[in-house]
Amino acid sequence: MRALRAERDERTVAVENASYRVAFMVLSYGLLLGIAYRSFVRGETAWDLLALVIVSGLVATLYQGKSRVLSRAWVALTLLTVVVAAAVAVATVLALRTG
């Protein structure tokens, strides 16, 4: 018997893209939990896993930017997030050095 082939319409593409988004979020947050565990519980550095999280987000962002689907509000929010994250990182390093 021949396998039935599903027609690909807009709904199918939207469901596929939504599933990819959920899978990406599970993978990213899973990696972040692994990084936190390795850092806080085992006292190991986890730069290899952190690089995977950062590079995968960068690849998705570059692809969306190339396709011109990013809004100005998204860019502004991303820049604000980077600035706040950098400030928190600096404060954390300074607190750990003095404490």
C-alpha atoms as a PDB file:
ATOM      1  CA  MET A   1       0.000   0.000   0.000  1.00  0.00           C
ATOM      2  CA  ARG A   2       1.274   3.457  -0.840  1.00  0.00           C
ATOM      3  CA  ALA A   3       1.778   5.895   1.970  1.00  0.00           C
ATOM      4  CA  LEU A   4      -0.604   8.795   1.892  1.00  0.00           C
ATOM      5  CA  ARG A   5       1.122  12.080   1.309  1.00  0.00           C
ATOM      6  CA  ALA A   6      -0.203  15.074   3.196  1.00  0.00           C
ATOM      7  CA  GLU A   7      -0.839  18.245   1.289  1.00  0.00           C
ATOM      8  CA  ARG A   8       1.360  21.095   2.445  1.00  0.00           C
ATOM      9  CA  ASP A   9      -0.668  24.209   3.039  1.00  0.00           C
ATOM     10  CA  GLU A  10      -0.193  27.316   5.189  1.00  0.00           C
ATOM     11  CA  ARG A  11      -1.525  25.565   8.281  1.00  0.00           C
ATOM     12  CA  THR A  12       0.925  22.693   7.910  1.00  0.00           C
ATOM     13  CA  VAL A  13       3.843  25.085   7.551  1.00  0.00           C
ATOM     14  CA  ALA A  14       2.661  27.120  10.556  1.00  0.00           C
ATOM     15  CA  VAL A  15       2.353  23.987  12.729  1.00  0.00           C
ATOM     16  CA  GLU A  16       5.807  22.789  11.637  1.00  0.00           C
ATOM     17  CA  ASN A  17       7.353  26.173  12.429  1.00  0.00           C
ATOM     18  CA  ALA A  18       5.615  26.264  15.822  1.00  0.00           C
ATOM     19  CA  SER A  19       6.977  22.802  16.634  1.00  0.00           C
ATOM     20  CA  TYR A  20      10.492  23.883  15.645  1.00  0.00           C
ATOM     21  CA  ARG A  21      10.164  26.897  17.944  1.00  0.00           C
ATOM     22  CA  VAL A  22       9.079  24.753  20.887  1.00  0.00           C
ATOM     23  CA  ALA A  23      11.897  22.269  20.234  1.00  0.00           C
ATOM     24  CA  PHE A  24      14.428  25.120  20.062  1.00  0.00           C
ATOM     25  CA  MET A  25      13.165  26.547  23.361  1.00  0.00           C
ATOM     26  CA  VAL A  26      13.320  23.147  25.086  1.00  0.00           C
ATOM     27  CA  LEU A  27      16.830  22.558  23.794  1.00  0.00           C
ATOM     28  CA  SER A  28      18.069  26.050  24.701  1.00  0.00           C
ATOM     29  CA  TYR A  29      16.628  26.058  28.208  1.00  0.00           C
ATOM     30  CA  GLY A  30      17.773  22.479  28.739  1.00  0.00           C
ATOM     31  CA  LEU A  31      21.295  23.521  27.836  1.00  0.00           C
ATOM     32  CA  LEU A  32      21.052  26.513  30.177  1.00  0.00           C
ATOM     33  CA  LEU A  33      19.947  24.221  33.013  1.00  0.00           C
ATOM     34  CA  GLY A  34      22.889  21.938  32.225  1.00  0.00           C
ATOM     35  CA  ILE A  35      25.204  24.929  32.304  1.00  0.00           C
ATOM     36  CA  ALA A  36      23.815  26.066  35.668  1.00  0.00           C
ATOM     37  CA  TYR A  37      24.168  22.564  37.114  1.00  0.00           C
ATOM     38  CA  ARG A  38      27.758  22.180  35.888  1.00  0.00           C
ATOM     39  CA  SER A  39      28.674  25.630  37.168  1.00  0.00           C
ATOM     40  CA  PHE A  40      26.966  25.718  40.569  1.00  0.00           C
ATOM     41  CA  VAL A  41      26.864  22.068  41.645  1.00  0.00           C
ATOM     42  CA  ARG A  42      29.969  20.579  40.084  1.00  0.00           C
ATOM     43  CA  GLY A  43      32.075  23.750  39.938  1.00  0.00           C
ATOM     44  CA  GLU A  44      32.982  23.195  36.278  1.00  0.00           C
ATOM     45  CA  THR A  45      33.094  25.709  33.493  1.00  0.00           C
ATOM     46  CA  ALA A  46      30.491  25.216  30.798  1.00  0.00           C
ATOM     47  CA  TRP A  47      31.634  27.523  28.014  1.00  0.00           C
ATOM     48  CA  ASP A  48      31.161  24.796  25.415  1.00  0.00           C
ATOM     49  CA  LEU A  49      27.452  24.470  26.194  1.00  0.00           C
ATOM     50  CA  LEU A  50      26.991  28.212  26.563  1.00  0.00           C
ATOM     51  CA  ALA A  51      28.574  28.707  23.148  1.00  0.00           C
ATOM     52  CA  LEU A  52      25.979  26.327  21.666  1.00  0.00           C
ATOM     53  CA  VAL A  53      23.140  28.396  23.117  1.00  0.00           C
ATOM     54  CA  ILE A  54      24.630  31.680  21.918  1.00  0.00           C
ATOM     55  CA  VAL A  55      25.559  30.448  18.431  1.00  0.00           C
ATOM     56  CA  SER A  56      22.163  28.841  17.829  1.00  0.00           C
ATOM     57  CA  GLY A  57      20.396  32.074  18.774  1.00  0.00           C
ATOM     58  CA  LEU A  58      22.777  34.073  16.619  1.00  0.00           C
ATOM     59  CA  VAL A  59      22.190  31.811  13.609  1.00  0.00           C
ATOM     60  CA  ALA A  60      18.414  32.174  13.930  1.00  0.00           C
ATOM     61  CA  THR A  61      18.719  35.938  14.317  1.00  0.00           C
ATOM     62  CA  LEU A  62      21.019  36.312  11.311  1.00  0.00           C
ATOM     63  CA  TYR A  63      18.693  34.209   9.162  1.00  0.00           C
ATOM     64  CA  GLN A  64      15.689  36.317  10.175  1.00  0.00           C
ATOM     65  CA  GLY A  65      17.661  39.509   9.613  1.00  0.00           C
ATOM     66  CA  LYS A  66      18.713  38.336   6.158  1.00  0.00           C
ATOM     67  CA  SER A  67      15.068  37.589   5.391  1.00  0.00           C
ATOM     68  CA  ARG A  68      14.103  41.034   6.707  1.00  0.00           C
ATOM     69  CA  VAL A  69      11.503  39.870   9.199  1.00  0.00           C
ATOM     70  CA  LEU A  70      12.900  41.625  12.299  1.00  0.00           C
ATOM     71  CA  SER A  71      11.093  44.767  13.440  1.00  0.00           C
ATOM     72  CA  ARG A  72      12.650  47.902  14.897  1.00  0.00           C
ATOM     73  CA  ALA A  73      10.989  47.149  18.234  1.00  0.00           C
ATOM     74  CA  TRP A  74      12.641  43.705  18.239  1.00  0.00           C
ATOM     75  CA  VAL A  75      16.053  45.260  17.565  1.00  0.00           C
ATOM     76  CA  ALA A  76      15.569  47.839  20.328  1.00  0.00           C
ATOM     77  CA  LEU A  77      14.464  45.184  22.816  1.00  0.00           C
ATOM     78  CA  THR A  78      17.417  42.975  21.905  1.00  0.00           C
ATOM     79  CA  LEU A  79      19.895  45.819  22.374  1.00  0.00           C
ATOM     80  CA  LEU A  80      18.320  46.661  25.736  1.00  0.00           C
ATOM     81  CA  THR A  81      18.595  43.008  26.767  1.00  0.00           C
ATOM     82  CA  VAL A  82      22.273  42.901  25.802  1.00  0.00           C
ATOM     83  CA  VAL A  83      23.012  46.066  27.791  1.00  0.00           C
ATOM     84  CA  VAL A  84      21.162  44.807  30.885  1.00  0.00           C
ATOM     85  CA  ALA A  85      22.845  41.379  30.634  1.00  0.00           C
ATOM     86  CA  ALA A  86      26.267  43.023  30.366  1.00  0.00           C
ATOM     87  CA  ALA A  87      25.525  45.193  33.408  1.00  0.00           C
ATOM     88  CA  VAL A  88      24.420  42.147  35.426  1.00  0.00           C
ATOM     89  CA  ALA A  89      27.547  40.251  34.344  1.00  0.00           C
ATOM     90  CA  VAL A  90      29.827  43.107  35.400  1.00  0.00           C
ATOM     91  CA  ALA A  91      28.018  43.464  38.731  1.00  0.00           C
ATOM     92  CA  THR A  92      28.282  39.724  39.352  1.00  0.00           C
ATOM     93  CA  VAL A  93      32.009  39.635  38.606  1.00  0.00           C
ATOM     94  CA  LEU A  94      32.647  42.642  40.824  1.00  0.00           C
ATOM     95  CA  ALA A  95      30.568  41.130  43.659  1.00  0.00           C
ATOM     96  CA  LEU A  96      32.441  37.818  43.431  1.00  0.00           C
ATOM     97  CA  ARG A  97      35.849  39.539  43.468  1.00  0.00           C
ATOM     98  CA  THR A  98      35.101  41.628  46.526  1.00  0.00           C
ATOM     99  CA  GLY A  99      33.160  38.955  48.395  1.00  0.00           C
END
